[in-house]
Amino acid sequence: MAADTAAESSGLRQRVLAAVVFVPVILLLVEGASWGLFLLVLAVAVRCSWEYHHILEEAGYRPIRLPGSLLVLGLCSYFWRQGTGDDLAALLMAAILLVVVWALFQGTERYAANAFLTLGGVFFFGVLGSAPLLLFQAAGRGEEAHHLVAVLFLCIWLTDSGAYFSGRFWGRVKLAPAISPNKTRIGCIGGIIGSALPLPLGFLLPSFSTASLLGLLLVVGIGAQVGDLVESAFKRDMGIKDAPMLIPGHGGLLDRFDSYFLAFPLAYLYVDVLAVFS
């Protein structure tokens, strides 16, 4: 019992310290010059791609790390400059060809797994990881675009906090014990409630009605929690507890930004389907 209490206290301290480190930096980058957002997305996508390859290697695979990470960097740069341009299909074809040919130089042992796990990382981190850039462009690259990305980051953080604290104090029934034993159904509900808390900031986003903004926040909140489960399932499948450590005691960047890779793509799809900025 004492050990559990100590572990919970340690987890809380880690969350507070992570917030102190990451929140001001991220908000400054997002709300500052547009290149700040680009550098943030680039750093998150490429670092998480590197951690992904490291986890694969720990599990006995041989991913094509350098081309994979460079392709992630290239996709992020492309989306920043071109959006979803006409030559995107050609770029993706070139990425696929590069990986499947490069993998041949590593031999035939687990060839398919090594090649297609690398490709999966390219698409996951390069395409899904670029969603904030596409969202920024869809919103016009102006003041509202900066505010939109910042509000969605805030939504993700409040989802995580709402899920953590409600699950810690009231959670009993497990949400998905085979994937993440610490997640509870009450925590999931608390996370969804937390995701709606940025709604009063709607005055920063004049293109959204109250209803459409609430819908966006709830979609992002649900996506954030699913993203957390996706990363947990991946690590459990690989037999790894945490991504390679970036900050001592806090795991890797992939552990901190797991929600990001589903929440922002869902936000982009939501805005695109509703044609909010058309």
Protein backbone atom coordinates (compact mmCIF):
# COMPACT_ATOMS: atom_id res chain seq x y z
CA MET A 1 0.00 0.00 0.00
CA ALA A 2 2.79 2.37 0.94
CA ALA A 3 4.60 1.45 -2.28
CA ASP A 4 1.48 2.27 -4.34
CA THR A 5 1.12 5.63 -2.58
CA ALA A 6 4.77 6.43 -3.22
CA ALA A 7 4.40 5.48 -6.88
CA GLU A 8 1.33 7.70 -7.24
CA SER A 9 3.12 10.63 -5.59
CA SER A 10 6.08 10.11 -7.90
CA GLY A 11 3.74 10.05 -10.92
CA LEU A 12 2.13 13.29 -9.81
CA ARG A 13 5.51 14.97 -9.36
CA GLN A 14 6.53 13.85 -12.83
CA ARG A 15 3.38 15.32 -14.34
CA VAL A 16 3.89 18.65 -12.59
CA LEU A 17 7.55 18.84 -13.62
CA ALA A 18 6.72 17.88 -17.21
CA ALA A 19 4.09 20.63 -17.29
CA VAL A 20 6.57 23.17 -15.94
CA VAL A 21 9.09 22.18 -18.63
CA PHE A 22 6.89 21.67 -21.68
CA VAL A 23 3.81 23.91 -21.39
CA PRO A 24 5.48 27.37 -21.49
CA VAL A 25 7.89 26.32 -24.25
CA ILE A 26 5.15 24.84 -26.43
CA LEU A 27 2.81 27.81 -26.00
CA LEU A 28 5.60 30.27 -26.80
CA LEU A 29 6.48 28.37 -29.96
CA VAL A 30 2.85 28.04 -31.07
CA GLU A 31 1.81 31.63 -30.34
CA GLY A 32 5.04 33.19 -31.62
CA ALA A 33 6.34 33.30 -35.18
CA SER A 34 4.98 30.65 -37.54
CA TRP A 35 8.43 29.08 -37.89
CA GLY A 36 8.24 28.26 -34.16
CA LEU A 37 5.30 25.93 -34.78
CA PHE A 38 7.16 24.32 -37.68
CA LEU A 39 10.24 23.69 -35.53
CA LEU A 40 8.06 22.26 -32.74
CA VAL A 41 6.31 19.83 -35.09
CA LEU A 42 9.60 18.89 -36.70
CA ALA A 43 11.25 18.21 -33.34
CA VAL A 44 8.32 16.14 -32.04
CA ALA A 45 7.88 14.09 -35.21
CA VAL A 46 11.57 13.34 -35.82
CA ARG A 47 12.42 12.63 -32.17
CA CYS A 48 9.38 10.36 -31.76
CA SER A 49 10.32 8.60 -34.99
CA TRP A 50 13.81 8.00 -33.58
CA GLU A 51 12.33 6.60 -30.35
CA TYR A 52 10.00 4.38 -32.38
CA HIS A 53 12.96 2.92 -34.29
CA HIS A 54 14.83 2.43 -31.03
CA ILE A 55 11.91 0.48 -29.56
CA LEU A 56 11.78 -1.71 -32.68
CA GLU A 57 15.48 -2.45 -32.35
CA GLU A 58 15.04 -3.33 -28.67
CA ALA A 59 12.36 -5.80 -29.77
CA GLY A 60 14.73 -7.49 -32.22
CA TYR A 61 13.75 -5.79 -35.49
CA ARG A 62 16.09 -3.92 -37.82
CA PRO A 63 14.20 -0.83 -39.00
CA ILE A 64 15.80 1.46 -41.57
CA ARG A 65 16.38 4.23 -39.07
CA LEU A 66 18.18 6.96 -41.03
CA PRO A 67 16.02 6.92 -44.20
CA GLY A 68 12.92 6.57 -42.04
CA SER A 69 13.74 9.60 -39.92
CA LEU A 70 14.79 11.64 -42.96
CA LEU A 71 11.51 10.81 -44.69
CA VAL A 72 9.59 11.98 -41.63
CA LEU A 73 11.54 15.24 -41.74
CA GLY A 74 10.86 15.53 -45.47
CA LEU A 75 7.11 14.95 -45.12
CA CYS A 76 6.80 17.54 -42.35
CA SER A 77 8.71 20.05 -44.48
CA TYR A 78 6.57 19.26 -47.52
CA PHE A 79 3.29 19.72 -45.63
CA TRP A 80 4.57 23.00 -44.21
CA ARG A 81 5.46 24.40 -47.63
CA GLN A 82 2.88 22.78 -49.90
CA GLY A 83 -0.02 21.58 -47.74
CA THR A 84 -1.77 18.71 -49.49
CA GLY A 85 -0.32 19.64 -52.88
CA ASP A 86 -0.85 17.89 -56.20
CA ASP A 87 2.51 16.10 -56.04
CA LEU A 88 1.87 14.46 -52.66
CA ALA A 89 1.16 11.08 -54.29
CA ALA A 90 4.54 11.16 -56.04
CA LEU A 91 6.30 11.98 -52.78
CA LEU A 92 4.62 9.09 -50.97
CA MET A 93 5.46 6.69 -53.80
CA ALA A 94 9.10 7.78 -53.65
CA ALA A 95 9.13 7.21 -49.87
CA ILE A 96 7.74 3.68 -50.26
CA LEU A 97 10.22 2.80 -53.00
CA LEU A 98 13.16 4.13 -51.00
CA VAL A 99 12.30 2.06 -47.93
CA VAL A 100 11.53 -1.25 -49.65
CA VAL A 101 14.74 -1.03 -51.76
CA TRP A 102 16.95 0.14 -48.88
CA ALA A 103 15.69 -2.74 -46.73
CA LEU A 104 17.14 -5.19 -49.28
CA PHE A 105 20.66 -4.23 -48.17
CA GLN A 106 19.87 -5.60 -44.69
CA GLY A 107 19.18 -9.08 -46.02
CA THR A 108 16.06 -11.21 -46.24
CA GLU A 109 15.73 -12.09 -42.56
CA ARG A 110 12.51 -10.38 -41.39
CA TYR A 111 12.68 -8.26 -44.53
CA ALA A 112 8.94 -7.61 -44.71
CA ALA A 113 8.67 -6.72 -41.02
CA ASN A 114 11.66 -4.36 -41.14
CA ALA A 115 10.52 -2.62 -44.32
CA PHE A 116 6.85 -2.23 -43.46
CA LEU A 117 7.40 -1.30 -39.82
CA THR A 118 9.69 1.45 -41.08
CA LEU A 119 7.05 2.57 -43.58
CA GLY A 120 4.43 2.54 -40.86
CA GLY A 121 6.60 4.88 -38.82
CA VAL A 122 7.09 7.22 -41.79
CA PHE A 123 3.34 7.55 -42.31
CA PHE A 124 2.46 7.68 -38.62
CA PHE A 125 5.02 10.30 -37.60
CA GLY A 126 5.43 12.08 -40.92
CA VAL A 127 1.79 12.33 -41.99
CA LEU A 128 -0.15 12.25 -38.72
CA GLY A 129 2.61 14.24 -37.01
CA SER A 130 2.19 17.04 -39.57
CA ALA A 131 -1.49 17.56 -38.74
CA PRO A 132 -0.89 20.77 -36.69
CA LEU A 133 0.81 22.29 -39.75
CA LEU A 134 -2.13 21.40 -42.01
CA LEU A 135 -4.55 22.72 -39.42
CA PHE A 136 -2.55 25.95 -39.17
CA GLN A 137 -2.69 26.37 -42.94
CA ALA A 138 -6.41 25.57 -43.09
CA ALA A 139 -7.03 28.32 -40.53
CA GLY A 140 -5.23 30.85 -42.70
CA ARG A 141 -1.83 31.06 -40.98
CA GLY A 142 -3.01 34.16 -39.11
CA GLU A 143 -3.72 35.01 -35.48
CA GLU A 144 -6.67 32.66 -35.24
CA ALA A 145 -4.54 29.81 -36.62
CA HIS A 146 -2.00 30.30 -33.82
CA HIS A 147 -4.78 30.40 -31.23
CA LEU A 148 -6.42 27.27 -32.64
CA VAL A 149 -3.30 25.13 -32.30
CA ALA A 150 -2.65 26.51 -28.80
CA VAL A 151 -6.22 25.81 -27.67
CA LEU A 152 -5.98 22.24 -28.97
CA PHE A 153 -2.74 21.66 -27.09
CA LEU A 154 -4.50 22.96 -23.98
CA CYS A 155 -7.41 20.60 -24.70
CA ILE A 156 -5.04 17.62 -24.90
CA TRP A 157 -3.34 18.55 -21.62
CA LEU A 158 -6.65 19.04 -19.80
CA THR A 159 -7.90 15.73 -21.18
CA ASP A 160 -4.84 14.01 -19.78
CA SER A 161 -5.15 15.77 -16.41
CA GLY A 162 -8.88 15.11 -16.16
CA ALA A 163 -8.37 11.42 -16.92
CA TYR A 164 -5.46 11.11 -14.49
CA PHE A 165 -7.04 12.79 -11.48
CA SER A 166 -10.57 11.40 -11.87
CA GLY A 167 -9.14 7.92 -12.42
CA ARG A 168 -6.80 8.27 -9.46
CA PHE A 169 -9.50 9.32 -6.99
CA TRP A 170 -12.63 7.55 -8.26
CA GLY A 171 -11.59 5.03 -10.88
CA ARG A 172 -12.40 1.41 -10.10
CA VAL A 173 -13.50 -0.35 -13.28
CA LYS A 174 -10.70 -0.79 -15.81
CA LEU A 175 -11.14 0.65 -19.29
CA ALA A 176 -8.82 -1.62 -21.29
CA PRO A 177 -6.83 -3.80 -18.86
CA ALA A 178 -5.16 -5.83 -21.61
CA ILE A 179 -3.71 -2.63 -23.11
CA SER A 180 -3.22 -0.23 -20.20
CA PRO A 181 -4.04 -1.59 -16.72
CA ASN A 182 -4.08 1.88 -15.11
CA LYS A 183 -6.78 3.34 -17.36
CA THR A 184 -10.30 3.38 -15.89
CA ARG A 185 -13.75 4.15 -17.27
CA ILE A 186 -14.20 7.00 -14.80
CA GLY A 187 -10.84 8.34 -15.92
CA CYS A 188 -12.04 8.25 -19.52
CA ILE A 189 -15.16 10.23 -18.62
CA GLY A 190 -13.06 12.68 -16.59
CA GLY A 191 -10.79 13.15 -19.59
CA ILE A 192 -13.74 13.93 -21.87
CA ILE A 193 -15.03 16.49 -19.34
CA GLY A 194 -11.55 17.99 -19.10
CA SER A 195 -11.36 18.32 -22.88
CA ALA A 196 -14.34 20.71 -22.87
CA LEU A 197 -12.78 23.12 -20.37
CA PRO A 198 -11.14 25.37 -23.02
CA LEU A 199 -14.62 26.21 -24.40
CA PRO A 200 -14.62 29.73 -22.80
CA LEU A 201 -11.64 30.53 -25.05
CA GLY A 202 -14.01 30.51 -28.00
CA PHE A 203 -13.65 34.29 -28.33
CA LEU A 204 -10.16 33.60 -29.72
CA LEU A 205 -11.66 31.47 -32.50
CA PRO A 206 -14.36 33.56 -34.23
CA SER A 207 -14.73 31.08 -37.11
CA PHE A 208 -16.27 28.53 -34.73
CA SER A 209 -19.75 28.57 -33.27
CA THR A 210 -20.03 27.42 -29.67
CA ALA A 211 -21.47 24.09 -30.80
CA SER A 212 -18.80 23.45 -33.45
CA LEU A 213 -16.01 24.35 -31.02
CA LEU A 214 -17.45 22.05 -28.36
CA GLY A 215 -17.62 19.26 -30.93
CA LEU A 216 -13.99 19.88 -31.89
CA LEU A 217 -12.83 19.79 -28.27
CA LEU A 218 -14.68 16.55 -27.56
CA VAL A 219 -13.29 14.91 -30.71
CA VAL A 220 -9.78 15.96 -29.69
CA GLY A 221 -10.34 14.72 -26.13
CA ILE A 222 -11.47 11.30 -27.31
CA GLY A 223 -8.66 11.15 -29.87
CA ALA A 224 -6.09 12.03 -27.21
CA GLN A 225 -7.17 9.12 -25.03
CA VAL A 226 -7.22 6.69 -27.96
CA GLY A 227 -3.73 7.89 -28.90
CA ASP A 228 -2.55 7.04 -25.41
CA LEU A 229 -3.99 3.54 -25.78
CA VAL A 230 -2.40 3.10 -29.21
CA GLU A 231 1.06 3.87 -27.84
CA SER A 232 0.47 1.57 -24.86
CA ALA A 233 -0.59 -1.25 -27.18
CA PHE A 234 2.49 -0.73 -29.34
CA LYS A 235 4.89 -0.79 -26.38
CA ARG A 236 3.15 -3.81 -24.87
CA ASP A 237 3.42 -5.64 -28.20
CA MET A 238 7.14 -4.79 -28.36
CA GLY A 239 7.69 -5.80 -24.73
CA ILE A 240 8.88 -2.29 -23.79
CA LYS A 241 7.65 -0.29 -20.79
CA ASP A 242 8.82 3.21 -21.77
CA ALA A 243 10.24 5.00 -24.78
CA PRO A 244 13.95 5.97 -24.63
CA MET A 245 14.37 8.55 -21.88
CA LEU A 246 14.59 12.20 -22.86
CA ILE A 247 14.16 13.84 -19.45
CA PRO A 248 15.32 11.76 -16.44
CA GLY A 249 12.29 10.21 -14.71
CA HIS A 250 9.88 11.21 -17.47
CA GLY A 251 10.38 8.64 -20.23
CA GLY A 252 10.69 9.66 -23.86
CA LEU A 253 9.01 12.29 -25.98
CA LEU A 254 6.77 9.58 -27.42
CA ASP A 255 5.41 8.99 -23.90
CA ARG A 256 4.61 12.70 -23.57
CA PHE A 257 3.18 13.24 -27.06
CA ASP A 258 1.33 9.96 -27.66
CA SER A 259 -2.02 11.78 -27.64
CA TYR A 260 -0.78 14.34 -30.18
CA PHE A 261 -0.57 11.86 -33.06
CA LEU A 262 -4.30 11.06 -33.04
CA ALA A 263 -5.80 14.21 -31.55
CA PHE A 264 -4.48 16.68 -34.13
CA PRO A 265 -5.28 14.54 -37.20
CA LEU A 266 -8.84 14.11 -35.93
CA ALA A 267 -9.04 17.88 -35.38
CA TYR A 268 -7.87 18.48 -38.95
CA LEU A 269 -10.41 16.02 -40.35
CA TYR A 270 -13.17 17.59 -38.23
CA VAL A 271 -12.35 21.09 -39.50
CA ASP A 272 -12.10 19.82 -43.08
CA VAL A 273 -15.41 17.91 -43.01
CA LEU A 274 -17.28 20.84 -41.44
CA ALA A 275 -15.52 23.25 -43.83
CA VAL A 276 -15.05 25.66 -40.93
CA PHE A 277 -12.58 27.88 -42.80
CA SER A 278 -13.90 27.49 -46.33
